Amino acid sequence: LVTYNNIGIRPVISLRQGISYKEGIGTLSEPYII
């Protein structure tokens, strides 16, 4: 049910063509760098 409380959300960001991943693991201390 959509009102269930113990479920998170995982946002997704779409990047435009030509953007590439450089480094990082996606944490607060090691964010992704593009």
Full PDB file with SEQRES, HELIX, SHEET, SSBOND, CRYST1, ORIGX, SCALE, CONECT and MASTER records, all heavy atoms in Angstrom:
SEQRES   1 A   34  LEU VAL THR TYR ASN ASN ILE GLY ILE ARG PRO VAL ILE          
SEQRES   2 A   34  SER LEU ARG GLN GLY ILE SER TYR LYS GLU GLY ILE GLY          
SEQRES   3 A   34  THR LEU SER GLU PRO TYR ILE ILE                              
CRYST1    1.000    1.000    1.000  90.00  90.00  90.00 P 1           1          
ORIGX1      1.000000  0.000000  0.000000        0.00000                         
ORIGX2      0.000000  1.000000  0.000000        0.00000                         
ORIGX3      0.000000  0.000000  1.000000        0.00000                         
SCALE1      1.000000  0.000000  0.000000        0.00000                         
SCALE2      0.000000  1.000000  0.000000        0.00000                         
SCALE3      0.000000  0.000000  1.000000        0.00000                         
ATOM      1  N   LEU A   1       0.833  -1.188   0.000  1.00  0.00           N  
ATOM      2  CA  LEU A   1       0.000   0.000   0.000  1.00  0.00           C  
ATOM      3  C   LEU A   1       0.878   1.251   0.000  1.00  0.00           C  
ATOM      4  O   LEU A   1       1.903   1.292   0.671  1.00  0.00           O  
ATOM      5  CB  LEU A   1      -0.868  -0.034   1.260  1.00  0.00           C  
ATOM      6  CG  LEU A   1      -2.030   0.915   1.379  1.00  0.00           C  
ATOM      7  CD1 LEU A   1      -3.050   0.623   0.282  1.00  0.00           C  
ATOM      8  CD2 LEU A   1      -2.687   0.749   2.740  1.00  0.00           C  
ATOM      9  N   VAL A   2       0.493   2.279  -0.731  1.00  0.00           N  
ATOM     10  CA  VAL A   2       1.349   3.466  -0.850  1.00  0.00           C  
ATOM     11  C   VAL A   2       1.555   4.198   0.464  1.00  0.00           C  
ATOM     12  O   VAL A   2       2.472   4.999   0.584  1.00  0.00           O  
ATOM     13  CB  VAL A   2       0.836   4.471  -1.908  1.00  0.00           C  
ATOM     14  CG1 VAL A   2       0.906   3.898  -3.293  1.00  0.00           C  
ATOM     15  CG2 VAL A   2      -0.530   4.975  -1.581  1.00  0.00           C  
ATOM     16  N   THR A   3       0.741   3.951   1.464  1.00  0.00           N  
ATOM     17  CA  THR A   3       0.923   4.628   2.750  1.00  0.00           C  
ATOM     18  C   THR A   3       1.832   3.855   3.701  1.00  0.00           C  
ATOM     19  O   THR A   3       2.038   4.264   4.829  1.00  0.00           O  
ATOM     20  CB  THR A   3      -0.435   4.846   3.436  1.00  0.00           C  
ATOM     21  OG1 THR A   3      -1.077   3.584   3.579  1.00  0.00           O  
ATOM     22  CG2 THR A   3      -1.306   5.788   2.631  1.00  0.00           C  
ATOM     23  N   TYR A   4       2.366   2.745   3.261  1.00  0.00           N  
ATOM     24  CA  TYR A   4       3.263   1.948   4.084  1.00  0.00           C  
ATOM     25  C   TYR A   4       4.514   2.755   4.402  1.00  0.00           C  
ATOM     26  O   TYR A   4       5.109   3.365   3.527  1.00  0.00           O  
ATOM     27  CB  TYR A   4       3.616   0.657   3.336  1.00  0.00           C  
ATOM     28  CG  TYR A   4       4.279  -0.385   4.179  1.00  0.00           C  
ATOM     29  CD1 TYR A   4       3.542  -1.182   5.037  1.00  0.00           C  
ATOM     30  CD2 TYR A   4       5.649  -0.572   4.118  1.00  0.00           C  
ATOM     31  CE1 TYR A   4       4.150  -2.145   5.812  1.00  0.00           C  
ATOM     32  CE2 TYR A   4       6.274  -1.532   4.891  1.00  0.00           C  
ATOM     33  CZ  TYR A   4       5.514  -2.321   5.730  1.00  0.00           C  
ATOM     34  OH  TYR A   4       6.134  -3.266   6.493  1.00  0.00           O  
ATOM     35  N   ASN A   5       4.946   2.768   5.661  1.00  0.00           N  
ATOM     36  CA  ASN A   5       5.987   3.694   6.107  1.00  0.00           C  
ATOM     37  C   ASN A   5       7.427   3.213   5.996  1.00  0.00           C  
ATOM     38  O   ASN A   5       8.332   4.021   5.988  1.00  0.00           O  
ATOM     39  CB  ASN A   5       5.734   4.096   7.563  1.00  0.00           C  
ATOM     40  CG  ASN A   5       4.485   4.919   7.704  1.00  0.00           C  
ATOM     41  OD1 ASN A   5       4.133   5.675   6.814  1.00  0.00           O  
ATOM     42  ND2 ASN A   5       3.804   4.757   8.814  1.00  0.00           N  
ATOM     43  N   ASN A   6       7.675   1.929   5.939  1.00  0.00           N  
ATOM     44  CA  ASN A   6       9.047   1.428   6.001  1.00  0.00           C  
ATOM     45  C   ASN A   6       9.687   1.224   4.635  1.00  0.00           C  
ATOM     46  O   ASN A   6      10.488   0.326   4.448  1.00  0.00           O  
ATOM     47  CB  ASN A   6       9.102   0.121   6.786  1.00  0.00           C  
ATOM     48  CG  ASN A   6       8.797   0.334   8.247  1.00  0.00           C  
ATOM     49  OD1 ASN A   6       9.029   1.408   8.769  1.00  0.00           O  
ATOM     50  ND2 ASN A   6       8.258  -0.669   8.885  1.00  0.00           N  
ATOM     51  N   ILE A   7       9.327   2.043   3.680  1.00  0.00           N  
ATOM     52  CA  ILE A   7       9.879   1.928   2.336  1.00  0.00           C  
ATOM     53  C   ILE A   7      10.537   3.246   1.970  1.00  0.00           C  
ATOM     54  O   ILE A   7       9.973   4.317   2.190  1.00  0.00           O  
ATOM     55  CB  ILE A   7       8.788   1.556   1.324  1.00  0.00           C  
ATOM     56  CG1 ILE A   7       8.190   0.200   1.712  1.00  0.00           C  
ATOM     57  CG2 ILE A   7       9.344   1.516  -0.083  1.00  0.00           C  
ATOM     58  CD1 ILE A   7       7.056  -0.243   0.861  1.00  0.00           C  
ATOM     59  N   GLY A   8      11.737   3.167   1.429  1.00  0.00           N  
ATOM     60  CA  GLY A   8      12.486   4.365   1.071  1.00  0.00           C  
ATOM     61  C   GLY A   8      12.250   4.802  -0.363  1.00  0.00           C  
ATOM     62  O   GLY A   8      11.397   4.276  -1.065  1.00  0.00           O  
ATOM     63  N   ILE A   9      13.045   5.757  -0.768  1.00  0.00           N  
ATOM     64  CA  ILE A   9      13.004   6.236  -2.138  1.00  0.00           C  
ATOM     65  C   ILE A   9      14.437   6.317  -2.639  1.00  0.00           C  
ATOM     66  O   ILE A   9      15.359   6.631  -1.880  1.00  0.00           O  
ATOM     67  CB  ILE A   9      12.278   7.584  -2.257  1.00  0.00           C  
ATOM     68  CG1 ILE A   9      12.041   7.925  -3.714  1.00  0.00           C  
ATOM     69  CG2 ILE A   9      13.007   8.677  -1.509  1.00  0.00           C  
ATOM     70  CD1 ILE A   9      10.967   8.938  -3.936  1.00  0.00           C  
ATOM     71  N   ARG A  10      14.632   5.988  -3.881  1.00  0.00           N  
ATOM     72  CA  ARG A  10      15.964   5.988  -4.475  1.00  0.00           C  
ATOM     73  C   ARG A  10      15.922   6.875  -5.710  1.00  0.00           C  
ATOM     74  O   ARG A  10      15.491   6.446  -6.778  1.00  0.00           O  
ATOM     75  CB  ARG A  10      16.353   4.564  -4.861  1.00  0.00           C  
ATOM     76  CG  ARG A  10      17.777   4.412  -5.269  1.00  0.00           C  
ATOM     77  CD  ARG A  10      18.069   2.946  -5.511  1.00  0.00           C  
ATOM     78  NE  ARG A  10      19.485   2.749  -5.707  1.00  0.00           N  
ATOM     79  CZ  ARG A  10      20.056   1.589  -5.846  1.00  0.00           C  
ATOM     80  NH1 ARG A  10      19.340   0.496  -5.805  1.00  0.00           N  
ATOM     81  NH2 ARG A  10      21.350   1.498  -6.039  1.00  0.00           N  
ATOM     82  N   PRO A  11      16.323   8.127  -5.561  1.00  0.00           N  
ATOM     83  CA  PRO A  11      16.235   9.044  -6.701  1.00  0.00           C  
ATOM     84  C   PRO A  11      17.226   8.685  -7.802  1.00  0.00           C  
ATOM     85  O   PRO A  11      18.273   8.095  -7.561  1.00  0.00           O  
ATOM     86  CB  PRO A  11      16.579  10.409  -6.099  1.00  0.00           C  
ATOM     87  CG  PRO A  11      17.315  10.120  -4.855  1.00  0.00           C  
ATOM     88  CD  PRO A  11      16.877   8.768  -4.383  1.00  0.00           C  
ATOM     89  N   VAL A  12      16.842   9.044  -9.016  1.00  0.00           N  
ATOM     90  CA  VAL A  12      17.658   8.800 -10.198  1.00  0.00           C  
ATOM     91  C   VAL A  12      17.808  10.127 -10.923  1.00  0.00           C  
ATOM     92  O   VAL A  12      16.850  10.876 -11.060  1.00  0.00           O  
ATOM     93  CB  VAL A  12      16.982   7.775 -11.134  1.00  0.00           C  
ATOM     94  CG1 VAL A  12      17.777   7.599 -12.404  1.00  0.00           C  
ATOM     95  CG2 VAL A  12      16.791   6.459 -10.427  1.00  0.00           C  
ATOM     96  N   ILE A  13      19.004  10.422 -11.359  1.00  0.00           N  
ATOM     97  CA  ILE A  13      19.264  11.654 -12.103  1.00  0.00           C  
ATOM     98  C   ILE A  13      19.687  11.276 -13.515  1.00  0.00           C  
ATOM     99  O   ILE A  13      20.597  10.473 -13.702  1.00  0.00           O  
ATOM    100  CB  ILE A  13      20.372  12.487 -11.435  1.00  0.00           C  
ATOM    101  CG1 ILE A  13      19.945  12.860 -10.022  1.00  0.00           C  
ATOM    102  CG2 ILE A  13      20.688  13.724 -12.256  1.00  0.00           C  
ATOM    103  CD1 ILE A  13      21.036  13.517  -9.201  1.00  0.00           C  
ATOM    104  N   SER A  14      19.013  11.828 -14.503  1.00  0.00           N  
ATOM    105  CA  SER A  14      19.370  11.582 -15.899  1.00  0.00           C  
ATOM    106  C   SER A  14      20.389  12.624 -16.346  1.00  0.00           C  
ATOM    107  O   SER A  14      20.173  13.820 -16.158  1.00  0.00           O  
ATOM    108  CB  SER A  14      18.128  11.675 -16.789  1.00  0.00           C  
ATOM    109  OG  SER A  14      17.200  10.707 -16.412  1.00  0.00           O  
ATOM    110  N   LEU A  15      21.476  12.161 -16.918  1.00  0.00           N  
ATOM    111  CA  LEU A  15      22.528  13.061 -17.393  1.00  0.00           C  
ATOM    112  C   LEU A  15      22.442  13.211 -18.898  1.00  0.00           C  
ATOM    113  O   LEU A  15      22.089  12.276 -19.604  1.00  0.00           O  
ATOM    114  CB  LEU A  15      23.901  12.506 -17.001  1.00  0.00           C  
ATOM    115  CG  LEU A  15      24.123  12.273 -15.513  1.00  0.00           C  
ATOM    116  CD1 LEU A  15      25.462  11.592 -15.287  1.00  0.00           C  
ATOM    117  CD2 LEU A  15      24.036  13.576 -14.743  1.00  0.00           C  
ATOM    118  N   ARG A  16      22.782  14.377 -19.380  1.00  0.00           N  
ATOM    119  CA  ARG A  16      22.751  14.577 -20.827  1.00  0.00           C  
ATOM    120  C   ARG A  16      23.919  13.833 -21.484  1.00  0.00           C  
ATOM    121  O   ARG A  16      24.894  13.465 -20.832  1.00  0.00           O  
ATOM    122  CB  ARG A  16      22.785  16.069 -21.161  1.00  0.00           C  
ATOM    123  CG  ARG A  16      24.103  16.757 -20.874  1.00  0.00           C  
ATOM    124  CD  ARG A  16      24.070  18.219 -21.318  1.00  0.00           C  
ATOM    125  NE  ARG A  16      25.334  18.834 -21.070  1.00  0.00           N  
ATOM    126  CZ  ARG A  16      25.670  19.472 -19.967  1.00  0.00           C  
ATOM    127  NH1 ARG A  16      24.795  19.596 -19.003  1.00  0.00           N  
ATOM    128  NH2 ARG A  16      26.875  19.990 -19.824  1.00  0.00           N  
ATOM    129  N   GLN A  17      23.816  13.638 -22.753  1.00  0.00           N  
ATOM    130  CA  GLN A  17      24.831  12.933 -23.523  1.00  0.00           C  
ATOM    131  C   GLN A  17      26.170  13.659 -23.397  1.00  0.00           C  
ATOM    132  O   GLN A  17      26.243  14.882 -23.395  1.00  0.00           O  
ATOM    133  CB  GLN A  17      24.413  12.880 -24.990  1.00  0.00           C  
ATOM    134  CG  GLN A  17      25.312  12.051 -25.839  1.00  0.00           C  
ATOM    135  CD  GLN A  17      24.777  11.935 -27.262  1.00  0.00           C  
ATOM    136  OE1 GLN A  17      23.716  12.433 -27.588  1.00  0.00           O  
ATOM    137  NE2 GLN A  17      25.531  11.267 -28.102  1.00  0.00           N  
ATOM    138  N   GLY A  18      27.240  12.900 -23.280  1.00  0.00           N  
ATOM    139  CA  GLY A  18      28.574  13.478 -23.188  1.00  0.00           C  
ATOM    140  C   GLY A  18      29.090  13.612 -21.766  1.00  0.00           C  
ATOM    141  O   GLY A  18      30.269  13.869 -21.552  1.00  0.00           O  
ATOM    142  N   ILE A  19      28.225  13.429 -20.764  1.00  0.00           N  
ATOM    143  CA  ILE A  19      28.647  13.488 -19.364  1.00  0.00           C  
ATOM    144  C   ILE A  19      29.179  12.111 -18.986  1.00  0.00           C  
ATOM    145  O   ILE A  19      28.581  11.087 -19.304  1.00  0.00           O  
ATOM    146  CB  ILE A  19      27.463  13.863 -18.439  1.00  0.00           C  
ATOM    147  CG1 ILE A  19      26.881  15.212 -18.817  1.00  0.00           C  
ATOM    148  CG2 ILE A  19      27.868  13.810 -16.978  1.00  0.00           C  
ATOM    149  CD1 ILE A  19      27.797  16.383 -18.540  1.00  0.00           C  
ATOM    150  N   SER A  20      30.303  12.069 -18.289  1.00  0.00           N  
ATOM    151  CA  SER A  20      30.857  10.774 -17.911  1.00  0.00           C  
ATOM    152  C   SER A  20      31.240  10.747 -16.436  1.00  0.00           C  
ATOM    153  O   SER A  20      31.534  11.774 -15.825  1.00  0.00           O  
ATOM    154  CB  SER A  20      32.078  10.438 -18.772  1.00  0.00           C  
ATOM    155  OG  SER A  20      33.081  11.405 -18.601  1.00  0.00           O  
ATOM    156  N   TYR A  21      31.232   9.555 -15.892  1.00  0.00           N  
ATOM    157  CA  TYR A  21      31.612   9.302 -14.508  1.00  0.00           C  
ATOM    158  C   TYR A  21      33.120   9.456 -14.378  1.00  0.00           C  
ATOM    159  O   TYR A  21      33.879   8.954 -15.191  1.00  0.00           O  
ATOM    160  CB  TYR A  21      31.169   7.882 -14.135  1.00  0.00           C  
ATOM    161  CG  TYR A  21      31.775   7.361 -12.868  1.00  0.00           C  
ATOM    162  CD1 TYR A  21      31.273   7.742 -11.638  1.00  0.00           C  
ATOM    163  CD2 TYR A  21      32.841   6.497 -12.909  1.00  0.00           C  
ATOM    164  CE1 TYR A  21      31.829   7.258 -10.476  1.00  0.00           C  
ATOM    165  CE2 TYR A  21      33.400   5.993 -11.749  1.00  0.00           C  
ATOM    166  CZ  TYR A  21      32.882   6.390 -10.527  1.00  0.00           C  
ATOM    167  OH  TYR A  21      33.438   5.913  -9.368  1.00  0.00           O  
ATOM    168  N   LYS A  22      33.565  10.160 -13.334  1.00  0.00           N  
ATOM    169  CA  LYS A  22      34.996  10.341 -13.113  1.00  0.00           C  
ATOM    170  C   LYS A  22      35.479   9.523 -11.921  1.00  0.00           C  
ATOM    171  O   LYS A  22      36.423   8.760 -12.038  1.00  0.00           O  
ATOM    172  CB  LYS A  22      35.311  11.822 -12.914  1.00  0.00           C  
ATOM    173  CG  LYS A  22      36.780  12.111 -12.771  1.00  0.00           C  
ATOM    174  CD  LYS A  22      37.033  13.597 -12.671  1.00  0.00           C  
ATOM    175  CE  LYS A  22      38.511  13.872 -12.488  1.00  0.00           C  
ATOM    176  NZ  LYS A  22      38.779  15.285 -12.260  1.00  0.00           N  
ATOM    177  N   GLU A  23      34.819   9.699 -10.746  1.00  0.00           N  
ATOM    178  CA  GLU A  23      35.225   8.957  -9.551  1.00  0.00           C  
ATOM    179  C   GLU A  23      34.149   9.044  -8.477  1.00  0.00           C  
ATOM    180  O   GLU A  23      33.150   9.718  -8.644  1.00  0.00           O  
ATOM    181  CB  GLU A  23      36.551   9.498  -9.005  1.00  0.00           C  
ATOM    182  CG  GLU A  23      36.479  10.966  -8.575  1.00  0.00           C  
ATOM    183  CD  GLU A  23      37.826  11.505  -8.132  1.00  0.00           C  
ATOM    184  OE1 GLU A  23      38.584  11.966  -8.982  1.00  0.00           O  
ATOM    185  OE2 GLU A  23      38.078  11.443  -6.915  1.00  0.00           O  
ATOM    186  N   GLY A  24      34.380   8.359  -7.350  1.00  0.00           N  
ATOM    187  CA  GLY A  24      33.464   8.381  -6.217  1.00  0.00           C  
ATOM    188  C   GLY A  24      32.597   7.137  -6.168  1.00  0.00           C  
ATOM    189  O   GLY A  24      32.424   6.444  -7.158  1.00  0.00           O  
ATOM    190  N   ILE A  25      32.057   6.884  -4.955  1.00  0.00           N  
ATOM    191  CA  ILE A  25      31.201   5.714  -4.771  1.00  0.00           C  
ATOM    192  C   ILE A  25      29.783   6.102  -4.359  1.00  0.00           C  
ATOM    193  O   ILE A  25      28.971   5.246  -4.033  1.00  0.00           O  
ATOM    194  CB  ILE A  25      31.815   4.725  -3.757  1.00  0.00           C  
ATOM    195  CG1 ILE A  25      32.014   5.381  -2.391  1.00  0.00           C  
ATOM    196  CG2 ILE A  25      33.113   4.145  -4.279  1.00  0.00           C  
ATOM    197  CD1 ILE A  25      32.396   4.405  -1.288  1.00  0.00           C  
ATOM    198  N   GLY A  26      29.471   7.376  -4.317  1.00  0.00           N  
ATOM    199  CA  GLY A  26      28.111   7.830  -4.039  1.00  0.00           C  
ATOM    200  C   GLY A  26      27.778   7.996  -2.570  1.00  0.00           C  
ATOM    201  O   GLY A  26      26.621   8.092  -2.204  1.00  0.00           O  
ATOM    202  N   THR A  27      28.778   8.038  -1.713  1.00  0.00           N  
ATOM    203  CA  THR A  27      28.536   8.275  -0.289  1.00  0.00           C  
ATOM    204  C   THR A  27      28.793   9.740   0.040  1.00  0.00           C  
ATOM    205  O   THR A  27      29.312  10.491  -0.792  1.00  0.00           O  
ATOM    206  CB  THR A  27      29.463   7.400   0.581  1.00  0.00           C  
ATOM    207  OG1 THR A  27      30.825   7.780   0.338  1.00  0.00           O  
ATOM    208  CG2 THR A  27      29.262   5.925   0.288  1.00  0.00           C  
ATOM    209  N   LEU A  28      28.441  10.134   1.263  1.00  0.00           N  
ATOM    210  CA  LEU A  28      28.671  11.507   1.694  1.00  0.00           C  
ATOM    211  C   LEU A  28      30.166  11.843   1.682  1.00  0.00           C  
ATOM    212  O   LEU A  28      30.565  12.925   1.269  1.00  0.00           O  
ATOM    213  CB  LEU A  28      28.077  11.725   3.093  1.00  0.00           C  
ATOM    214  CG  LEU A  28      28.063  13.151   3.621  1.00  0.00           C  
ATOM    215  CD1 LEU A  28      27.290  14.071   2.685  1.00  0.00           C  
ATOM    216  CD2 LEU A  28      27.466  13.180   5.017  1.00  0.00           C  
ATOM    217  N   SER A  29      31.000  10.898   2.109  1.00  0.00           N  
ATOM    218  CA  SER A  29      32.439  11.162   2.151  1.00  0.00           C  
ATOM    219  C   SER A  29      33.131  10.987   0.784  1.00  0.00           C  
ATOM    220  O   SER A  29      34.198  11.545   0.563  1.00  0.00           O  
ATOM    221  CB  SER A  29      33.114  10.265   3.187  1.00  0.00           C  
ATOM    222  OG  SER A  29      32.902   8.916   2.867  1.00  0.00           O  
ATOM    223  N   GLU A  30      32.540  10.203  -0.102  1.00  0.00           N  
ATOM    224  CA  GLU A  30      33.083   9.999  -1.443  1.00  0.00           C  
ATOM    225  C   GLU A  30      31.972  10.118  -2.491  1.00  0.00           C  
ATOM    226  O   GLU A  30      31.550   9.127  -3.077  1.00  0.00           O  
ATOM    227  CB  GLU A  30      33.741   8.619  -1.563  1.00  0.00           C  
ATOM    228  CG  GLU A  30      34.980   8.452  -0.715  1.00  0.00           C  
ATOM    229  CD  GLU A  30      35.622   7.079  -0.956  1.00  0.00           C  
ATOM    230  OE1 GLU A  30      35.962   6.795  -2.109  1.00  0.00           O  
ATOM    231  OE2 GLU A  30      35.745   6.330   0.016  1.00  0.00           O  
ATOM    232  N   PRO A  31      31.492  11.344  -2.726  1.00  0.00           N  
ATOM    233  CA  PRO A  31      30.388  11.524  -3.691  1.00  0.00           C  
ATOM    234  C   PRO A  31      30.831  11.221  -5.118  1.00  0.00           C  
ATOM    235  O   PRO A  31      32.021  11.257  -5.436  1.00  0.00           O  
ATOM    236  CB  PRO A  31      30.012  12.989  -3.538  1.00  0.00           C  
ATOM    237  CG  PRO A  31      31.266  13.636  -3.050  1.00  0.00           C  
ATOM    238  CD  PRO A  31      31.955  12.611  -2.194  1.00  0.00           C  
ATOM    239  N   TYR A  32      29.846  10.936  -5.969  1.00  0.00           N  
ATOM    240  CA  TYR A  32      30.151  10.755  -7.381  1.00  0.00           C  
ATOM    241  C   TYR A  32      30.656  12.083  -7.944  1.00  0.00           C  
ATOM    242  O   TYR A  32      30.150  13.139  -7.611  1.00  0.00           O  
ATOM    243  CB  TYR A  32      28.906  10.360  -8.167  1.00  0.00           C  
ATOM    244  CG  TYR A  32      28.388   8.977  -7.853  1.00  0.00           C  
ATOM    245  CD1 TYR A  32      27.094   8.807  -7.378  1.00  0.00           C  
ATOM    246  CD2 TYR A  32      29.181   7.849  -8.051  1.00  0.00           C  
ATOM    247  CE1 TYR A  32      26.614   7.540  -7.084  1.00  0.00           C  
ATOM    248  CE2 TYR A  32      28.705   6.588  -7.758  1.00  0.00           C  
ATOM    249  CZ  TYR A  32      27.418   6.444  -7.275  1.00  0.00           C  
ATOM    250  OH  TYR A  32      26.944   5.202  -7.009  1.00  0.00           O  
ATOM    251  N   ILE A  33      31.640  11.996  -8.797  1.00  0.00           N  
ATOM    252  CA  ILE A  33      32.124  13.170  -9.511  1.00  0.00           C  
ATOM    253  C   ILE A  33      31.987  12.876 -10.990  1.00  0.00           C  
ATOM    254  O   ILE A  33      32.460  11.850 -11.483  1.00  0.00           O  
ATOM    255  CB  ILE A  33      33.592  13.503  -9.150  1.00  0.00           C  
ATOM    256  CG1 ILE A  33      33.673  13.818  -7.646  1.00  0.00           C  
ATOM    257  CG2 ILE A  33      34.125  14.624  -9.999  1.00  0.00           C  
ATOM    258  CD1 ILE A  33      35.051  14.085  -7.129  1.00  0.00           C  
ATOM    259  N   ILE A  34      31.296  13.762 -11.671  1.00  0.00           N  
ATOM    260  CA  ILE A  34      31.078  13.597 -13.100  1.00  0.00           C  
ATOM    261  C   ILE A  34      31.697  14.767 -13.842  1.00  0.00           C  
ATOM    262  O   ILE A  34      31.953  15.817 -13.278  1.00  0.00           O  
ATOM    263  CB  ILE A  34      29.573  13.474 -13.437  1.00  0.00           C  
ATOM    264  CG1 ILE A  34      28.819  14.689 -12.921  1.00  0.00           C  
ATOM    265  CG2 ILE A  34      28.995  12.209 -12.856  1.00  0.00           C  
ATOM    266  CD1 ILE A  34      27.397  14.751 -13.326  1.00  0.00           C  
TER     267      ILE A  34                                                      
MASTER        0    0    0    0    0    0    0    6  266    1    0    3          
END                                                                             
